[in-house]
């Protein structure tokens, strides 16, 4: 059973040991004190178990997101991408601002894990009750993605190109190369998934748009 939202702790706002934080506990671009961002060539696609408080905080805010049918041909179900996205030109999705608490909760949990703390992202793809055929994502070349599974479900394992077997991402995070083919298996139950990534349009995004994404809590690359 998920934690009562009225009994919300300070887990989202507390500082992660060894990582500087802003006054409200959220991560800022200047907090990347360790040298270098994680790049695709250095990643290791092994599931990392998330903390129970972090999972509860993320799931609480996730349940408040207004979802829409997935617009991606390879993915069935509901989906929305907050943060930096693209139609005819780059833009910040209008639902990003109203989901700042969700962004803060995700960043706090991600930054609490050594394997994840140096991975930047400008965008968060939120999926609910989805199943995906083999496809690639629109990442900035050389930047990895983080996939996270949440909810009460079985199955839905992440299939990665070149991996020996599908990976269980339930209450876990996996770092992978989104520009390589990946898919998900059959699901029984209520499955949410998140994909954190640097959108390919970041390279041509205006300074004002970059500043806006940072102000919204996204741990954007330099």
C-alpha atoms as a PDB file:
ATOM      1  CA  UNK A   1       0.000   0.000   0.000  1.00  0.00           C
ATOM      2  CA  UNK A   2       1.301   3.464  -0.902  1.00  0.00           C
ATOM      3  CA  UNK A   3       2.018   5.969   1.826  1.00  0.00           C
ATOM      4  CA  UNK A   4      -0.759   8.331   2.892  1.00  0.00           C
ATOM      5  CA  UNK A   5       0.001  11.618   1.094  1.00  0.00           C
ATOM      6  CA  UNK A   6      -1.182  13.563   4.118  1.00  0.00           C
ATOM      7  CA  UNK A   7       1.618  11.969   6.099  1.00  0.00           C
ATOM      8  CA  UNK A   8       4.255  13.122   3.638  1.00  0.00           C
ATOM      9  CA  UNK A   9       7.699  13.263   5.166  1.00  0.00           C
ATOM     10  CA  UNK A  10      10.556  15.583   4.328  1.00  0.00           C
ATOM     11  CA  UNK A  11      12.223  12.869   2.265  1.00  0.00           C
ATOM     12  CA  UNK A  12      11.824  14.839  -0.938  1.00  0.00           C
ATOM     13  CA  UNK A  13      13.363  17.965   0.537  1.00  0.00           C
ATOM     14  CA  UNK A  14      16.212  16.568   2.566  1.00  0.00           C
ATOM     15  CA  UNK A  15      19.734  16.989   1.304  1.00  0.00           C
ATOM     16  CA  UNK A  16      21.520  13.926  -0.021  1.00  0.00           C
ATOM     17  CA  UNK A  17      24.795  13.318   1.837  1.00  0.00           C
ATOM     18  CA  UNK A  18      27.742  14.529  -0.209  1.00  0.00           C
ATOM     19  CA  UNK A  19      25.606  16.543  -2.640  1.00  0.00           C
ATOM     20  CA  UNK A  20      25.076  20.284  -2.093  1.00  0.00           C
ATOM     21  CA  UNK A  21      21.484  21.423  -2.359  1.00  0.00           C
ATOM     22  CA  UNK A  22      19.485  24.608  -2.750  1.00  0.00           C
ATOM     23  CA  UNK A  23      17.519  26.041   0.145  1.00  0.00           C
ATOM     24  CA  UNK A  24      14.488  23.903  -0.664  1.00  0.00           C
ATOM     25  CA  UNK A  25      16.486  20.701  -1.004  1.00  0.00           C
ATOM     26  CA  UNK A  26      16.229  20.463  -4.780  1.00  0.00           C
ATOM     27  CA  UNK A  27      19.221  19.744  -6.991  1.00  0.00           C
ATOM     28  CA  UNK A  28      20.755  22.609  -8.931  1.00  0.00           C
ATOM     29  CA  UNK A  29      23.100  22.642 -11.915  1.00  0.00           C
ATOM     30  CA  UNK A  30      25.948  23.791  -9.667  1.00  0.00           C
ATOM     31  CA  UNK A  31      25.567  20.657  -7.540  1.00  0.00           C
ATOM     32  CA  UNK A  32      27.435  18.477 -10.042  1.00  0.00           C
ATOM     33  CA  UNK A  33      30.628  18.534  -8.020  1.00  0.00           C
ATOM     34  CA  UNK A  34      32.007  15.229  -9.292  1.00  0.00           C
ATOM     35  CA  UNK A  35      34.007  15.539 -12.542  1.00  0.00           C
ATOM     36  CA  UNK A  36      32.155  14.904 -15.781  1.00  0.00           C
ATOM     37  CA  UNK A  37      28.691  13.765 -16.726  1.00  0.00           C
ATOM     38  CA  UNK A  38      27.976  10.099 -17.354  1.00  0.00           C
ATOM     39  CA  UNK A  39      28.114   9.312 -21.061  1.00  0.00           C
ATOM     40  CA  UNK A  40      26.847   6.342 -23.028  1.00  0.00           C
ATOM     41  CA  UNK A  41      30.231   4.669 -23.315  1.00  0.00           C
ATOM     42  CA  UNK A  42      30.525   4.390 -19.519  1.00  0.00           C
ATOM     43  CA  UNK A  43      27.083   3.101 -18.606  1.00  0.00           C
ATOM     44  CA  UNK A  44      26.313  -0.331 -17.201  1.00  0.00           C
ATOM     45  CA  UNK A  45      22.698  -1.513 -17.653  1.00  0.00           C
ATOM     46  CA  UNK A  46      22.177  -3.155 -14.264  1.00  0.00           C
ATOM     47  CA  UNK A  47      18.969  -2.552 -12.249  1.00  0.00           C
ATOM     48  CA  UNK A  48      19.461  -0.282  -9.234  1.00  0.00           C
ATOM     49  CA  UNK A  49      16.891  -0.671  -6.447  1.00  0.00           C
ATOM     50  CA  UNK A  50      15.309   2.629  -5.432  1.00  0.00           C
ATOM     51  CA  UNK A  51      14.618   3.733  -1.875  1.00  0.00           C
ATOM     52  CA  UNK A  52      11.145   3.121  -0.454  1.00  0.00           C
ATOM     53  CA  UNK A  53      10.641   6.755   0.587  1.00  0.00           C
ATOM     54  CA  UNK A  54      11.755   7.980  -2.816  1.00  0.00           C
ATOM     55  CA  UNK A  55       9.397   5.546  -4.539  1.00  0.00           C
ATOM     56  CA  UNK A  56       6.467   6.692  -2.399  1.00  0.00           C
ATOM     57  CA  UNK A  57       7.187  10.368  -3.035  1.00  0.00           C
ATOM     58  CA  UNK A  58       7.484   9.867  -6.789  1.00  0.00           C
ATOM     59  CA  UNK A  59       4.392   7.664  -6.977  1.00  0.00           C
ATOM     60  CA  UNK A  60       2.283  10.137  -5.008  1.00  0.00           C
ATOM     61  CA  UNK A  61       2.996  12.982  -7.444  1.00  0.00           C
ATOM     62  CA  UNK A  62       2.907  10.657 -10.444  1.00  0.00           C
ATOM     63  CA  UNK A  63      -0.695   9.736  -9.649  1.00  0.00           C
ATOM     64  CA  UNK A  64      -1.645  13.414 -10.033  1.00  0.00           C
ATOM     65  CA  UNK A  65      -0.289  13.820 -13.570  1.00  0.00           C
ATOM     66  CA  UNK A  66      -2.909  14.433 -16.260  1.00  0.00           C
ATOM     67  CA  UNK A  67      -2.156  11.748 -18.831  1.00  0.00           C
ATOM     68  CA  UNK A  68      -3.137  11.505 -22.507  1.00  0.00           C
ATOM     69  CA  UNK A  69      -3.118   8.693 -25.074  1.00  0.00           C
ATOM     70  CA  UNK A  70       0.401   8.031 -26.324  1.00  0.00           C
ATOM     71  CA  UNK A  71       1.230   9.857 -29.544  1.00  0.00           C
ATOM     72  CA  UNK A  72       4.104   7.487 -30.336  1.00  0.00           C
ATOM     73  CA  UNK A  73       3.405   4.799 -32.908  1.00  0.00           C
ATOM     74  CA  UNK A  74       5.551   2.193 -31.153  1.00  0.00           C
ATOM     75  CA  UNK A  75       3.936   2.694 -27.744  1.00  0.00           C
ATOM     76  CA  UNK A  76       0.355   1.889 -26.713  1.00  0.00           C
ATOM     77  CA  UNK A  77      -1.297   3.245 -23.569  1.00  0.00           C
ATOM     78  CA  UNK A  78      -1.017   6.721 -22.027  1.00  0.00           C
ATOM     79  CA  UNK A  79       2.034   8.956 -22.153  1.00  0.00           C
ATOM     80  CA  UNK A  80       3.283  12.498 -21.726  1.00  0.00           C
ATOM     81  CA  UNK A  81       6.741  14.072 -21.915  1.00  0.00           C
ATOM     82  CA  UNK A  82       7.365  16.946 -19.504  1.00  0.00           C
ATOM     83  CA  UNK A  83      10.374  19.207 -19.754  1.00  0.00           C
ATOM     84  CA  UNK A  84      12.007  19.753 -23.127  1.00  0.00           C
ATOM     85  CA  UNK A  85      10.102  18.289 -26.054  1.00  0.00           C
ATOM     86  CA  UNK A  86       9.631  18.931 -29.765  1.00  0.00           C
ATOM     87  CA  UNK A  87       6.970  19.313 -32.445  1.00  0.00           C
ATOM     88  CA  UNK A  88       8.026  21.682 -35.212  1.00  0.00           C
ATOM     89  CA  UNK A  89      10.541  23.302 -32.844  1.00  0.00           C
ATOM     90  CA  UNK A  90      11.784  22.763 -29.272  1.00  0.00           C
ATOM     91  CA  UNK A  91       9.515  23.872 -26.437  1.00  0.00           C
ATOM     92  CA  UNK A  92       8.964  23.273 -22.736  1.00  0.00           C
ATOM     93  CA  UNK A  93       5.785  21.249 -22.255  1.00  0.00           C
ATOM     94  CA  UNK A  94       3.152  23.439 -20.537  1.00  0.00           C
ATOM     95  CA  UNK A  95       2.444  20.708 -17.962  1.00  0.00           C
ATOM     96  CA  UNK A  96       6.028  20.865 -16.702  1.00  0.00           C
ATOM     97  CA  UNK A  97       5.430  23.739 -14.297  1.00  0.00           C
ATOM     98  CA  UNK A  98       2.449  22.100 -12.594  1.00  0.00           C
ATOM     99  CA  UNK A  99       4.537  18.949 -12.020  1.00  0.00           C
ATOM    100  CA  UNK A 100       7.505  20.580 -10.307  1.00  0.00           C
ATOM    101  CA  UNK A 101       6.976  18.518  -7.147  1.00  0.00           C
ATOM    102  CA  UNK A 102       7.224  15.356  -9.237  1.00  0.00           C
ATOM    103  CA  UNK A 103      10.439  16.601 -10.873  1.00  0.00           C
ATOM    104  CA  UNK A 104      11.875  17.426  -7.460  1.00  0.00           C
ATOM    105  CA  UNK A 105      11.001  13.990  -6.090  1.00  0.00           C
ATOM    106  CA  UNK A 106      12.548  12.224  -9.090  1.00  0.00           C
ATOM    107  CA  UNK A 107      15.736  14.291  -8.963  1.00  0.00           C
ATOM    108  CA  UNK A 108      16.107  13.774  -5.199  1.00  0.00           C
ATOM    109  CA  UNK A 109      15.863   9.985  -5.558  1.00  0.00           C
ATOM    110  CA  UNK A 110      18.129   9.800  -8.604  1.00  0.00           C
ATOM    111  CA  UNK A 111      20.778  11.964  -6.952  1.00  0.00           C
ATOM    112  CA  UNK A 112      20.811   9.687  -3.893  1.00  0.00           C
ATOM    113  CA  UNK A 113      22.410   6.881  -5.939  1.00  0.00           C
ATOM    114  CA  UNK A 114      26.081   7.027  -6.882  1.00  0.00           C
ATOM    115  CA  UNK A 115      25.413   5.198 -10.151  1.00  0.00           C
ATOM    116  CA  UNK A 116      22.831   7.806 -11.217  1.00  0.00           C
ATOM    117  CA  UNK A 117      23.874  11.091  -9.675  1.00  0.00           C
ATOM    118  CA  UNK A 118      25.921  12.376 -12.629  1.00  0.00           C
ATOM    119  CA  UNK A 119      23.332  11.642 -15.307  1.00  0.00           C
ATOM    120  CA  UNK A 120      21.760  14.791 -16.714  1.00  0.00           C
ATOM    121  CA  UNK A 121      18.272  14.989 -18.191  1.00  0.00           C
ATOM    122  CA  UNK A 122      16.106  17.668 -19.752  1.00  0.00           C
ATOM    123  CA  UNK A 123      12.971  15.589 -20.249  1.00  0.00           C
ATOM    124  CA  UNK A 124      10.855  13.023 -18.405  1.00  0.00           C
ATOM    125  CA  UNK A 125       8.721  10.652 -20.464  1.00  0.00           C
ATOM    126  CA  UNK A 126       5.863   9.370 -18.286  1.00  0.00           C
ATOM    127  CA  UNK A 127       4.090   6.184 -19.392  1.00  0.00           C
ATOM    128  CA  UNK A 128       1.067   4.445 -17.892  1.00  0.00           C
ATOM    129  CA  UNK A 129      -0.321   1.053 -18.888  1.00  0.00           C
ATOM    130  CA  UNK A 130       1.920   0.993 -21.920  1.00  0.00           C
ATOM    131  CA  UNK A 131       3.547  -1.696 -23.967  1.00  0.00           C
ATOM    132  CA  UNK A 132       6.223  -0.720 -26.437  1.00  0.00           C
ATOM    133  CA  UNK A 133       7.389  -2.395 -29.634  1.00  0.00           C
ATOM    134  CA  UNK A 134      11.118  -2.182 -30.458  1.00  0.00           C
ATOM    135  CA  UNK A 135      11.942   1.503 -30.989  1.00  0.00           C
ATOM    136  CA  UNK A 136      14.598   4.138 -30.392  1.00  0.00           C
ATOM    137  CA  UNK A 137      14.302   7.439 -28.539  1.00  0.00           C
ATOM    138  CA  UNK A 138      15.251  10.960 -29.538  1.00  0.00           C
ATOM    139  CA  UNK A 139      18.201  11.383 -27.180  1.00  0.00           C
ATOM    140  CA  UNK A 140      21.085  13.769 -27.641  1.00  0.00           C
ATOM    141  CA  UNK A 141      23.888  11.617 -29.070  1.00  0.00           C
ATOM    142  CA  UNK A 142      26.252  10.378 -26.372  1.00  0.00           C
ATOM    143  CA  UNK A 143      23.875  10.863 -23.436  1.00  0.00           C
ATOM    144  CA  UNK A 144      22.268   7.932 -21.565  1.00  0.00           C
ATOM    145  CA  UNK A 145      18.713   7.469 -20.352  1.00  0.00           C
ATOM    146  CA  UNK A 146      17.346   6.227 -17.034  1.00  0.00           C
ATOM    147  CA  UNK A 147      14.303   3.909 -17.078  1.00  0.00           C
ATOM    148  CA  UNK A 148      12.252   3.488 -13.886  1.00  0.00           C
ATOM    149  CA  UNK A 149       9.285   1.180 -13.252  1.00  0.00           C
ATOM    150  CA  UNK A 150       6.652   1.844 -10.565  1.00  0.00           C
ATOM    151  CA  UNK A 151       3.319   0.366  -9.515  1.00  0.00           C
ATOM    152  CA  UNK A 152       1.802  -2.985  -8.611  1.00  0.00           C
ATOM    153  CA  UNK A 153       2.458  -5.214 -11.581  1.00  0.00           C
ATOM    154  CA  UNK A 154       4.345  -8.211 -12.887  1.00  0.00           C
ATOM    155  CA  UNK A 155       6.058  -8.588 -16.240  1.00  0.00           C
ATOM    156  CA  UNK A 156       6.747  -5.472 -18.299  1.00  0.00           C
ATOM    157  CA  UNK A 157      10.479  -6.148 -18.350  1.00  0.00           C
ATOM    158  CA  UNK A 158      12.770  -3.855 -20.309  1.00  0.00           C
ATOM    159  CA  UNK A 159      14.310  -5.485 -23.363  1.00  0.00           C
ATOM    160  CA  UNK A 160      17.537  -3.851 -24.492  1.00  0.00           C
ATOM    161  CA  UNK A 161      19.426  -4.434 -27.712  1.00  0.00           C
ATOM    162  CA  UNK A 162      22.425  -6.646 -26.947  1.00  0.00           C
ATOM    163  CA  UNK A 163      21.267  -7.557 -23.415  1.00  0.00           C
ATOM    164  CA  UNK A 164      21.360 -11.219 -22.415  1.00  0.00           C
ATOM    165  CA  UNK A 165      17.870 -11.153 -20.898  1.00  0.00           C
ATOM    166  CA  UNK A 166      15.017  -8.683 -20.200  1.00  0.00           C
ATOM    167  CA  UNK A 167      15.549  -6.529 -17.107  1.00  0.00           C
ATOM    168  CA  UNK A 168      13.165  -6.144 -14.171  1.00  0.00           C
ATOM    169  CA  UNK A 169      12.763  -2.390 -13.551  1.00  0.00           C
ATOM    170  CA  UNK A 170       9.958  -2.588 -10.968  1.00  0.00           C
ATOM    171  CA  UNK A 171      10.985  -0.133  -8.190  1.00  0.00           C
ATOM    172  CA  UNK A 172      14.369   0.011  -9.918  1.00  0.00           C
ATOM    173  CA  UNK A 173      16.313   2.247 -12.273  1.00  0.00           C
ATOM    174  CA  UNK A 174      18.313   1.111 -15.286  1.00  0.00           C
ATOM    175  CA  UNK A 175      20.770   3.241 -17.252  1.00  0.00           C
ATOM    176  CA  UNK A 176      20.702   2.500 -20.970  1.00  0.00           C
ATOM    177  CA  UNK A 177      21.317   3.946 -24.429  1.00  0.00           C
ATOM    178  CA  UNK A 178      17.936   5.161 -25.670  1.00  0.00           C
ATOM    179  CA  UNK A 179      19.230   5.509 -29.214  1.00  0.00           C
ATOM    180  CA  UNK A 180      19.493   1.718 -29.411  1.00  0.00           C
ATOM    181  CA  UNK A 181      16.439  -0.477 -29.888  1.00  0.00           C
ATOM    182  CA  UNK A 182      14.488  -1.303 -26.747  1.00  0.00           C
ATOM    183  CA  UNK A 183      10.979  -2.498 -25.884  1.00  0.00           C
ATOM    184  CA  UNK A 184       8.855  -3.769 -23.007  1.00  0.00           C
ATOM    185  CA  UNK A 185       7.135  -7.104 -22.377  1.00  0.00           C
ATOM    186  CA  UNK A 186       3.565  -8.023 -21.459  1.00  0.00           C
ATOM    187  CA  UNK A 187       2.285  -6.526 -18.206  1.00  0.00           C
ATOM    188  CA  UNK A 188      -0.131  -7.798 -15.588  1.00  0.00           C
ATOM    189  CA  UNK A 189      -1.308  -5.060 -13.222  1.00  0.00           C
ATOM    190  CA  UNK A 190      -0.881  -1.292 -12.992  1.00  0.00           C
ATOM    191  CA  UNK A 191       2.476  -0.240 -14.428  1.00  0.00           C
ATOM    192  CA  UNK A 192       3.976   3.234 -14.588  1.00  0.00           C
ATOM    193  CA  UNK A 193       7.333   3.898 -16.158  1.00  0.00           C
ATOM    194  CA  UNK A 194       9.590   6.912 -16.426  1.00  0.00           C
ATOM    195  CA  UNK A 195      12.356   7.579 -18.918  1.00  0.00           C
ATOM    196  CA  UNK A 196      14.728  10.414 -18.018  1.00  0.00           C
ATOM    197  CA  UNK A 197      16.803  11.679 -20.926  1.00  0.00           C
ATOM    198  CA  UNK A 198      18.501  14.619 -22.643  1.00  0.00           C
ATOM    199  CA  UNK A 199      16.391  15.556 -25.647  1.00  0.00           C
ATOM    200  CA  UNK A 200      18.272  15.824 -28.939  1.00  0.00           C
ATOM    201  CA  UNK A 201      17.043  19.411 -29.381  1.00  0.00           C
ATOM    202  CA  UNK A 202      19.029  20.487 -26.300  1.00  0.00           C
ATOM    203  CA  UNK A 203      21.987  21.272 -28.574  1.00  0.00           C
ATOM    204  CA  UNK A 204      19.995  23.993 -30.355  1.00  0.00           C
ATOM    205  CA  UNK A 205      17.823  25.185 -27.465  1.00  0.00           C
ATOM    206  CA  UNK A 206      17.920  28.916 -26.744  1.00  0.00           C
ATOM    207  CA  UNK A 207      19.607  30.263 -23.587  1.00  0.00           C
ATOM    208  CA  UNK A 208      16.221  31.444 -22.284  1.00  0.00           C
ATOM    209  CA  UNK A 209      14.697  27.999 -22.707  1.00  0.00           C
ATOM    210  CA  UNK A 210      17.682  26.392 -21.008  1.00  0.00           C
ATOM    211  CA  UNK A 211      17.328  28.769 -18.073  1.00  0.00           C
ATOM    212  CA  UNK A 212      13.622  27.960 -17.834  1.00  0.00           C
ATOM    213  CA  UNK A 213      14.279  24.211 -17.716  1.00  0.00           C
ATOM    214  CA  UNK A 214      16.872  24.685 -14.976  1.00  0.00           C
ATOM    215  CA  UNK A 215      14.477  26.910 -12.999  1.00  0.00           C
ATOM    216  CA  UNK A 216      11.865  24.129 -13.236  1.00  0.00           C
ATOM    217  CA  UNK A 217      14.281  21.710 -11.562  1.00  0.00           C
ATOM    218  CA  UNK A 218      15.636  19.758 -14.530  1.00  0.00           C
ATOM    219  CA  UNK A 219      19.300  18.715 -14.001  1.00  0.00           C
ATOM    220  CA  UNK A 220      20.336  19.854 -17.463  1.00  0.00           C
ATOM    221  CA  UNK A 221      23.809  19.276 -18.909  1.00  0.00           C
ATOM    222  CA  UNK A 222      26.226  22.209 -19.166  1.00  0.00           C
END
